[in-house]
Amino acid sequence: MIPQVSNPTVQYQCDGQNKTFIWPYDFNNIKDINLILVDGDGRQTEQTGNILYDAQNKTLTYPSIGEPLPATHKVILIRRKIGRASCRER
């Protein structure tokens, strides 16, 4: 039996060197994923730009342009819940 995962989340501690993060779940559109940046003081901000998604390798690069985030930061990836209105009719 395969468990149903309704709202998967992945959290990464930044290291000042890497800026590519694995997203191990399938999705069709980058808009289905929230990328939350947590700074060294614990403040969370949703990021909507400067993100590159590689569907073949299931990775997100943030920032796609610029230096890797410092080790004081975290990146949280959250799949947005899809409402019935967003689902395709069968």
PDB file of N, CA and C in Angstrom:
ATOM      1  N   MET A   1       0.841  -1.171   0.000  1.00  0.00           N
ATOM      2  CA  MET A   1       0.000   0.000   0.000  1.00  0.00           C
ATOM      3  C   MET A   1       0.890   1.239   0.000  1.00  0.00           C
ATOM      4  N   ILE A   2       0.496   2.212  -0.800  1.00  0.00           N
ATOM      5  CA  ILE A   2       1.231   3.475  -0.879  1.00  0.00           C
ATOM      6  C   ILE A   2       0.447   4.524  -0.104  1.00  0.00           C
ATOM      7  N   PRO A   3       1.071   5.175   0.884  1.00  0.00           N
ATOM      8  CA  PRO A   3       0.342   6.191   1.647  1.00  0.00           C
ATOM      9  C   PRO A   3       0.064   7.422   0.800  1.00  0.00           C
ATOM     10  N   GLN A   4      -1.058   8.057   1.069  1.00  0.00           N
ATOM     11  CA  GLN A   4      -1.392   9.302   0.393  1.00  0.00           C
ATOM     12  C   GLN A   4      -0.766  10.454   1.159  1.00  0.00           C
ATOM     13  N   VAL A   5      -0.060  11.297   0.453  1.00  0.00           N
ATOM     14  CA  VAL A   5       0.562  12.469   1.070  1.00  0.00           C
ATOM     15  C   VAL A   5      -0.196  13.685   0.568  1.00  0.00           C
ATOM     16  N   SER A   6      -0.925  14.351   1.465  1.00  0.00           N
ATOM     17  CA  SER A   6      -1.783  15.443   1.027  1.00  0.00           C
ATOM     18  C   SER A   6      -1.088  16.802   0.995  1.00  0.00           C
ATOM     19  N   ASN A   7      -0.045  16.984   1.777  1.00  0.00           N
ATOM     20  CA  ASN A   7       0.621  18.282   1.798  1.00  0.00           C
ATOM     21  C   ASN A   7       2.098  18.102   2.146  1.00  0.00           C
ATOM     22  N   PRO A   8       2.880  17.538   1.216  1.00  0.00           N
ATOM     23  CA  PRO A   8       4.287  17.287   1.524  1.00  0.00           C
ATOM     24  C   PRO A   8       5.091  18.574   1.710  1.00  0.00           C
ATOM     25  N   THR A   9       6.063  18.493   2.618  1.00  0.00           N
ATOM     26  CA  THR A   9       6.953  19.604   2.933  1.00  0.00           C
ATOM     27  C   THR A   9       8.375  19.084   3.028  1.00  0.00           C
ATOM     28  N   VAL A  10       9.323  19.850   2.504  1.00  0.00           N
ATOM     29  CA  VAL A  10      10.735  19.513   2.607  1.00  0.00           C
ATOM     30  C   VAL A  10      11.454  20.757   3.112  1.00  0.00           C
ATOM     31  N   GLN A  11      12.336  20.582   4.095  1.00  0.00           N
ATOM     32  CA  GLN A  11      13.076  21.716   4.659  1.00  0.00           C
ATOM     33  C   GLN A  11      14.571  21.481   4.484  1.00  0.00           C
ATOM     34  N   TYR A  12      15.277  22.527   4.078  1.00  0.00           N
ATOM     35  CA  TYR A  12      16.730  22.464   3.874  1.00  0.00           C
ATOM     36  C   TYR A  12      17.416  23.553   4.682  1.00  0.00           C
ATOM     37  N   GLN A  13      18.505  23.201   5.335  1.00  0.00           N
ATOM     38  CA  GLN A  13      19.381  24.178   5.983  1.00  0.00           C
ATOM     39  C   GLN A  13      20.383  24.633   4.929  1.00  0.00           C
ATOM     40  N   CYS A  14      20.459  25.914   4.677  1.00  0.00           N
ATOM     41  CA  CYS A  14      21.402  26.434   3.682  1.00  0.00           C
ATOM     42  C   CYS A  14      22.822  26.334   4.223  1.00  0.00           C
ATOM     43  N   ASP A  15      23.798  26.341   3.297  1.00  0.00           N
ATOM     44  CA  ASP A  15      25.193  26.190   3.715  1.00  0.00           C
ATOM     45  C   ASP A  15      26.130  27.216   3.091  1.00  0.00           C
ATOM     46  N   GLY A  16      25.578  28.170   2.343  1.00  0.00           N
ATOM     47  CA  GLY A  16      26.412  29.185   1.718  1.00  0.00           C
ATOM     48  C   GLY A  16      27.114  28.708   0.458  1.00  0.00           C
ATOM     49  N   GLN A  17      26.889  27.444   0.062  1.00  0.00           N
ATOM     50  CA  GLN A  17      27.547  26.902  -1.132  1.00  0.00           C
ATOM     51  C   GLN A  17      26.553  26.364  -2.155  1.00  0.00           C
ATOM     52  N   ASN A  18      25.538  25.655  -1.682  1.00  0.00           N
ATOM     53  CA  ASN A  18      24.564  25.033  -2.587  1.00  0.00           C
ATOM     54  C   ASN A  18      23.320  25.895  -2.694  1.00  0.00           C
ATOM     55  N   LYS A  19      22.718  25.883  -3.869  1.00  0.00           N
ATOM     56  CA  LYS A  19      21.465  26.593  -4.041  1.00  0.00           C
ATOM     57  C   LYS A  19      20.457  25.771  -4.854  1.00  0.00           C
ATOM     58  N   THR A  20      20.720  24.480  -4.970  1.00  0.00           N
ATOM     59  CA  THR A  20      19.808  23.566  -5.645  1.00  0.00           C
ATOM     60  C   THR A  20      19.225  22.621  -4.608  1.00  0.00           C
ATOM     61  N   PHE A  21      17.900  22.521  -4.594  1.00  0.00           N
ATOM     62  CA  PHE A  21      17.186  21.748  -3.585  1.00  0.00           C
ATOM     63  C   PHE A  21      16.320  20.698  -4.266  1.00  0.00           C
ATOM     64  N   ILE A  22      16.341  19.485  -3.770  1.00  0.00           N
ATOM     65  CA  ILE A  22      15.568  18.386  -4.348  1.00  0.00           C
ATOM     66  C   ILE A  22      14.121  18.489  -3.893  1.00  0.00           C
ATOM     67  N   TRP A  23      13.216  18.346  -4.847  1.00  0.00           N
ATOM     68  CA  TRP A  23      11.781  18.267  -4.551  1.00  0.00           C
ATOM     69  C   TRP A  23      11.337  16.865  -4.966  1.00  0.00           C
ATOM     70  N   PRO A  24      11.200  15.930  -4.026  1.00  0.00           N
ATOM     71  CA  PRO A  24      11.013  14.517  -4.371  1.00  0.00           C
ATOM     72  C   PRO A  24       9.597  14.122  -4.782  1.00  0.00           C
ATOM     73  N   TYR A  25       8.702  15.082  -4.979  1.00  0.00           N
ATOM     74  CA  TYR A  25       7.321  14.783  -5.324  1.00  0.00           C
ATOM     75  C   TYR A  25       7.005  15.302  -6.722  1.00  0.00           C
ATOM     76  N   ASP A  26       6.101  14.629  -7.419  1.00  0.00           N
ATOM     77  CA  ASP A  26       5.683  15.079  -8.743  1.00  0.00           C
ATOM     78  C   ASP A  26       4.735  16.269  -8.638  1.00  0.00           C
ATOM     79  N   PHE A  27       4.867  17.180  -9.586  1.00  0.00           N
ATOM     80  CA  PHE A  27       3.896  18.253  -9.749  1.00  0.00           C
ATOM     81  C   PHE A  27       4.022  18.800 -11.152  1.00  0.00           C
ATOM     82  N   ASN A  28       2.990  19.493 -11.612  1.00  0.00           N
ATOM     83  CA  ASN A  28       2.938  19.925 -13.000  1.00  0.00           C
ATOM     84  C   ASN A  28       3.392  21.356 -13.234  1.00  0.00           C
ATOM     85  N   ASN A  29       3.352  22.182 -12.192  1.00  0.00           N
ATOM     86  CA  ASN A  29       3.589  23.602 -12.384  1.00  0.00           C
ATOM     87  C   ASN A  29       4.337  24.154 -11.172  1.00  0.00           C
ATOM     88  N   ILE A  30       5.302  24.993 -11.405  1.00  0.00           N
ATOM     89  CA  ILE A  30       6.069  25.593 -10.307  1.00  0.00           C
ATOM     90  C   ILE A  30       5.143  26.358  -9.358  1.00  0.00           C
ATOM     91  N   LYS A  31       4.000  26.820  -9.846  1.00  0.00           N
ATOM     92  CA  LYS A  31       3.052  27.539  -8.994  1.00  0.00           C
ATOM     93  C   LYS A  31       2.393  26.617  -7.973  1.00  0.00           C
ATOM     94  N   ASP A  32       2.578  25.294  -8.126  1.00  0.00           N
ATOM     95  CA  ASP A  32       2.045  24.340  -7.153  1.00  0.00           C
ATOM     96  C   ASP A  32       2.916  24.254  -5.894  1.00  0.00           C
ATOM     97  N   ILE A  33       4.081  24.909  -5.916  1.00  0.00           N
ATOM     98  CA  ILE A  33       5.028  24.828  -4.804  1.00  0.00           C
ATOM     99  C   ILE A  33       5.221  26.210  -4.172  1.00  0.00           C
ATOM    100  N   ASN A  34       5.167  26.260  -2.846  1.00  0.00           N
ATOM    101  CA  ASN A  34       5.546  27.469  -2.107  1.00  0.00           C
ATOM    102  C   ASN A  34       6.997  27.304  -1.683  1.00  0.00           C
ATOM    103  N   LEU A  35       7.815  28.301  -1.947  1.00  0.00           N
ATOM    104  CA  LEU A  35       9.180  28.328  -1.444  1.00  0.00           C
ATOM    105  C   LEU A  35       9.213  29.393  -0.355  1.00  0.00           C
ATOM    106  N   ILE A  36       9.448  28.961   0.874  1.00  0.00           N
ATOM    107  CA  ILE A  36       9.502  29.861   2.024  1.00  0.00           C
ATOM    108  C   ILE A  36      10.959  30.001   2.437  1.00  0.00           C
ATOM    109  N   LEU A  37      11.416  31.230   2.560  1.00  0.00           N
ATOM    110  CA  LEU A  37      12.765  31.516   3.029  1.00  0.00           C
ATOM    111  C   LEU A  37      12.684  31.913   4.493  1.00  0.00           C
ATOM    112  N   VAL A  38      13.480  31.256   5.315  1.00  0.00           N
ATOM    113  CA  VAL A  38      13.543  31.576   6.749  1.00  0.00           C
ATOM    114  C   VAL A  38      14.921  32.173   7.012  1.00  0.00           C
ATOM    115  N   ASP A  39      14.960  33.417   7.486  1.00  0.00           N
ATOM    116  CA  ASP A  39      16.251  34.059   7.740  1.00  0.00           C
ATOM    117  C   ASP A  39      16.798  33.680   9.111  1.00  0.00           C
ATOM    118  N   GLY A  40      17.944  34.196   9.450  1.00  0.00           N
ATOM    119  CA  GLY A  40      18.616  33.867  10.703  1.00  0.00           C
ATOM    120  C   GLY A  40      17.846  34.252  11.948  1.00  0.00           C
ATOM    121  N   ASP A  41      16.899  35.177  11.823  1.00  0.00           N
ATOM    122  CA  ASP A  41      16.062  35.590  12.954  1.00  0.00           C
ATOM    123  C   ASP A  41      14.738  34.837  13.011  1.00  0.00           C
ATOM    124  N   GLY A  42      14.554  33.876  12.077  1.00  0.00           N
ATOM    125  CA  GLY A  42      13.338  33.078  12.060  1.00  0.00           C
ATOM    126  C   GLY A  42      12.188  33.690  11.281  1.00  0.00           C
ATOM    127  N   ARG A  43      12.413  34.835  10.628  1.00  0.00           N
ATOM    128  CA  ARG A  43      11.356  35.458   9.825  1.00  0.00           C
ATOM    129  C   ARG A  43      11.156  34.667   8.543  1.00  0.00           C
ATOM    130  N   GLN A  44       9.913  34.392   8.220  1.00  0.00           N
ATOM    131  CA  GLN A  44       9.575  33.623   7.029  1.00  0.00           C
ATOM    132  C   GLN A  44       8.990  34.530   5.967  1.00  0.00           C
ATOM    133  N   THR A  45       9.477  34.375   4.729  1.00  0.00           N
ATOM    134  CA  THR A  45       8.927  35.127   3.604  1.00  0.00           C
ATOM    135  C   THR A  45       8.768  34.188   2.418  1.00  0.00           C
ATOM    136  N   GLU A  46       7.610  34.277   1.784  1.00  0.00           N
ATOM    137  CA  GLU A  46       7.373  33.464   0.594  1.00  0.00           C
ATOM    138  C   GLU A  46       8.114  34.089  -0.584  1.00  0.00           C
ATOM    139  N   GLN A  47       8.804  33.249  -1.340  1.00  0.00           N
ATOM    140  CA  GLN A  47       9.540  33.706  -2.510  1.00  0.00           C
ATOM    141  C   GLN A  47       8.758  33.309  -3.755  1.00  0.00           C
ATOM    142  N   THR A  48       8.630  34.227  -4.706  1.00  0.00           N
ATOM    143  CA  THR A  48       7.855  33.946  -5.909  1.00  0.00           C
ATOM    144  C   THR A  48       8.658  34.108  -7.192  1.00  0.00           C
ATOM    145  N   GLY A  49       9.839  34.658  -7.117  1.00  0.00           N
ATOM    146  CA  GLY A  49      10.652  34.863  -8.306  1.00  0.00           C
ATOM    147  C   GLY A  49      12.059  34.342  -8.109  1.00  0.00           C
ATOM    148  N   ASN A  50      12.826  34.367  -9.187  1.00  0.00           N
ATOM    149  CA  ASN A  50      14.224  33.961  -9.155  1.00  0.00           C
ATOM    150  C   ASN A  50      14.373  32.479  -8.765  1.00  0.00           C
ATOM    151  N   ILE A  51      13.383  31.663  -9.190  1.00  0.00           N
ATOM    152  CA  ILE A  51      13.366  30.230  -8.908  1.00  0.00           C
ATOM    153  C   ILE A  51      13.406  29.489 -10.232  1.00  0.00           C
ATOM    154  N   LEU A  52      14.291  28.526 -10.335  1.00  0.00           N
ATOM    155  CA  LEU A  52      14.392  27.700 -11.540  1.00  0.00           C
ATOM    156  C   LEU A  52      13.994  26.278 -11.179  1.00  0.00           C
ATOM    157  N   TYR A  53      13.067  25.680 -11.942  1.00  0.00           N
ATOM    158  CA  TYR A  53      12.622  24.311 -11.688  1.00  0.00           C
ATOM    159  C   TYR A  53      13.103  23.404 -12.800  1.00  0.00           C
ATOM    160  N   ASP A  54      13.739  22.305 -12.446  1.00  0.00           N
ATOM    161  CA  ASP A  54      14.195  21.285 -13.389  1.00  0.00           C
ATOM    162  C   ASP A  54      13.301  20.062 -13.192  1.00  0.00           C
ATOM    163  N   ALA A  55      12.298  19.896 -14.069  1.00  0.00           N
ATOM    164  CA  ALA A  55      11.319  18.817 -13.930  1.00  0.00           C
ATOM    165  C   ALA A  55      11.956  17.442 -14.081  1.00  0.00           C
ATOM    166  N   GLN A  56      12.930  17.321 -14.953  1.00  0.00           N
ATOM    167  CA  GLN A  56      13.562  16.019 -15.182  1.00  0.00           C
ATOM    168  C   GLN A  56      14.296  15.531 -13.935  1.00  0.00           C
ATOM    169  N   ASN A  57      15.000  16.417 -13.259  1.00  0.00           N
ATOM    170  CA  ASN A  57      15.776  16.046 -12.067  1.00  0.00           C
ATOM    171  C   ASN A  57      15.050  16.322 -10.757  1.00  0.00           C
ATOM    172  N   LYS A  58      13.842  16.896 -10.849  1.00  0.00           N
ATOM    173  CA  LYS A  58      13.037  17.245  -9.679  1.00  0.00           C
ATOM    174  C   LYS A  58      13.822  18.110  -8.690  1.00  0.00           C
ATOM    175  N   THR A  59      14.386  19.194  -9.202  1.00  0.00           N
ATOM    176  CA  THR A  59      15.130  20.123  -8.351  1.00  0.00           C
ATOM    177  C   THR A  59      14.628  21.545  -8.553  1.00  0.00           C
ATOM    178  N   LEU A  60      14.773  22.346  -7.504  1.00  0.00           N
ATOM    179  CA  LEU A  60      14.511  23.784  -7.556  1.00  0.00           C
ATOM    180  C   LEU A  60      15.827  24.481  -7.245  1.00  0.00           C
ATOM    181  N   THR A  61      16.144  25.508  -8.013  1.00  0.00           N
ATOM    182  CA  THR A  61      17.327  26.305  -7.746  1.00  0.00           C
ATOM    183  C   THR A  61      16.870  27.675  -7.276  1.00  0.00           C
ATOM    184  N   TYR A  62      17.340  28.060  -6.082  1.00  0.00           N
ATOM    185  CA  TYR A  62      16.999  29.374  -5.535  1.00  0.00           C
ATOM    186  C   TYR A  62      18.195  29.903  -4.743  1.00  0.00           C
ATOM    187  N   PRO A  63      18.621  31.092  -5.009  1.00  0.00           N
ATOM    188  CA  PRO A  63      18.186  31.936  -6.112  1.00  0.00           C
ATOM    189  C   PRO A  63      18.769  31.425  -7.427  1.00  0.00           C
ATOM    190  N   SER A  64      17.993  31.522  -8.496  1.00  0.00           N
ATOM    191  CA  SER A  64      18.510  31.047  -9.787  1.00  0.00           C
ATOM    192  C   SER A  64      19.609  31.985 -10.294  1.00  0.00           C
ATOM    193  N   ILE A  65      19.517  33.263  -9.932  1.00  0.00           N
ATOM    194  CA  ILE A  65      20.564  34.240 -10.256  1.00  0.00           C
ATOM    195  C   ILE A  65      21.034  34.834  -8.930  1.00  0.00           C
ATOM    196  N   GLY A  66      22.317  34.783  -8.678  1.00  0.00           N
ATOM    197  CA  GLY A  66      22.850  35.327  -7.438  1.00  0.00           C
ATOM    198  C   GLY A  66      23.575  34.276  -6.621  1.00  0.00           C
ATOM    199  N   GLU A  67      24.099  34.703  -5.512  1.00  0.00           N
ATOM    200  CA  GLU A  67      24.908  33.847  -4.646  1.00  0.00           C
ATOM    201  C   GLU A  67      24.042  32.896  -3.815  1.00  0.00           C
ATOM    202  N   PRO A  68      24.582  31.752  -3.420  1.00  0.00           N
ATOM    203  CA  PRO A  68      23.860  30.842  -2.521  1.00  0.00           C
ATOM    204  C   PRO A  68      23.542  31.535  -1.193  1.00  0.00           C
ATOM    205  N   LEU A  69      22.500  31.069  -0.540  1.00  0.00           N
ATOM    206  CA  LEU A  69      22.080  31.655   0.733  1.00  0.00           C
ATOM    207  C   LEU A  69      23.052  31.275   1.853  1.00  0.00           C
ATOM    208  N   PRO A  70      23.225  32.160   2.835  1.00  0.00           N
ATOM    209  CA  PRO A  70      24.149  31.870   3.940  1.00  0.00           C
ATOM    210  C   PRO A  70      23.623  30.747   4.840  1.00  0.00           C
ATOM    211  N   ALA A  71      24.519  30.184   5.625  1.00  0.00           N
ATOM    212  CA  ALA A  71      24.195  29.057   6.508  1.00  0.00           C
ATOM    213  C   ALA A  71      23.188  29.428   7.599  1.00  0.00           C
ATOM    214  N   THR A  72      22.898  30.690   7.769  1.00  0.00           N
ATOM    215  CA  THR A  72      21.916  31.122   8.774  1.00  0.00           C
ATOM    216  C   THR A  72      20.480  30.992   8.268  1.00  0.00           C
ATOM    217  N   HIS A  73      20.310  30.657   6.995  1.00  0.00           N
ATOM    218  CA  HIS A  73      18.986  30.608   6.369  1.00  0.00           C
ATOM    219  C   HIS A  73      18.519  29.174   6.142  1.00  0.00           C
ATOM    220  N   LYS A  74      17.198  29.031   6.002  1.00  0.00           N
ATOM    221  CA  LYS A  74      16.585  27.753   5.645  1.00  0.00           C
ATOM    222  C   LYS A  74      15.646  27.989   4.468  1.00  0.00           C
ATOM    223  N   VAL A  75      15.475  26.941   3.669  1.00  0.00           N
ATOM    224  CA  VAL A  75      14.500  26.948   2.590  1.00  0.00           C
ATOM    225  C   VAL A  75      13.482  25.855   2.904  1.00  0.00           C
ATOM    226  N   ILE A  76      12.195  26.233   2.868  1.00  0.00           N
ATOM    227  CA  ILE A  76      11.120  25.271   3.077  1.00  0.00           C
ATOM    228  C   ILE A  76      10.306  25.213   1.795  1.00  0.00           C
ATOM    229  N   LEU A  77      10.131  24.009   1.276  1.00  0.00           N
ATOM    230  CA  LEU A  77       9.325  23.791   0.080  1.00  0.00           C
ATOM    231  C   LEU A  77       8.036  23.103   0.503  1.00  0.00           C
ATOM    232  N   ILE A  78       6.905  23.668   0.110  1.00  0.00           N
ATOM    233  CA  ILE A  78       5.599  23.145   0.501  1.00  0.00           C
ATOM    234  C   ILE A  78       4.722  23.023  -0.740  1.00  0.00           C
ATOM    235  N   ARG A  79       4.121  21.849  -0.934  1.00  0.00           N
ATOM    236  CA  ARG A  79       3.176  21.719  -2.039  1.00  0.00           C
ATOM    237  C   ARG A  79       1.869  22.384  -1.638  1.00  0.00           C
ATOM    238  N   ARG A  80       1.379  23.261  -2.494  1.00  0.00           N
ATOM    239  CA  ARG A  80       0.104  23.924  -2.238  1.00  0.00           C
ATOM    240  C   ARG A  80      -1.006  22.894  -2.346  1.00  0.00           C
ATOM    241  N   LYS A  81      -2.022  23.058  -1.516  1.00  0.00           N
ATOM    242  CA  LYS A  81      -3.186  22.177  -1.627  1.00  0.00           C
ATOM    243  C   LYS A  81      -3.962  22.565  -2.867  1.00  0.00           C
ATOM    244  N   ILE A  82      -4.391  21.557  -3.599  1.00  0.00           N
ATOM    245  CA  ILE A  82      -5.128  21.786  -4.829  1.00  0.00           C
ATOM    246  C   ILE A  82      -6.610  21.604  -4.539  1.00  0.00           C
ATOM    247  N   GLY A  83      -7.373  22.643  -4.764  1.00  0.00           N
ATOM    248  CA  GLY A  83      -8.818  22.574  -4.529  1.00  0.00           C
ATOM    249  C   GLY A  83      -9.535  21.870  -5.656  1.00  0.00           C
ATOM    250  N   ARG A  84     -10.767  21.543  -5.435  1.00  0.00           N
ATOM    251  CA  ARG A  84     -11.564  20.847  -6.449  1.00  0.00           C
ATOM    252  C   ARG A  84     -11.664  21.654  -7.731  1.00  0.00           C
ATOM    253  N   ALA A  85     -11.718  22.964  -7.635  1.00  0.00           N
ATOM    254  CA  ALA A  85     -11.854  23.797  -8.826  1.00  0.00           C
ATOM    255  C   ALA A  85     -10.624  23.699  -9.706  1.00  0.00           C
ATOM    256  N   SER A  86      -9.477  23.330  -9.131  1.00  0.00           N
ATOM    257  CA  SER A  86      -8.238  23.242  -9.886  1.00  0.00           C
ATOM    258  C   SER A  86      -8.051  21.882 -10.543  1.00  0.00           C
ATOM    259  N   CYS A  87      -8.814  20.899 -10.102  1.00  0.00           N
ATOM    260  CA  CYS A  87      -8.647  19.541 -10.625  1.00  0.00           C
ATOM    261  C   CYS A  87      -9.322  19.428 -11.991  1.00  0.00           C
ATOM    262  N   ARG A  88      -8.721  18.601 -12.848  1.00  0.00           N
ATOM    263  CA  ARG A  88      -9.304  18.378 -14.156  1.00  0.00           C
ATOM    264  C   ARG A  88     -10.521  17.475 -14.047  1.00  0.00           C
ATOM    265  N   GLU A  89     -11.519  17.737 -14.877  1.00  0.00           N
ATOM    266  CA  GLU A  89     -12.697  16.877 -14.938  1.00  0.00           C
ATOM    267  C   GLU A  89     -12.297  15.594 -15.643  1.00  0.00           C
ATOM    268  N   ARG A  90     -12.835  14.496 -15.165  1.00  0.00           N
ATOM    269  CA  ARG A  90     -12.523  13.202 -15.785  1.00  0.00           C
ATOM    270  C   ARG A  90     -13.584  12.829 -16.780  1.00  0.00           C
TER     271      ARG A  90
END
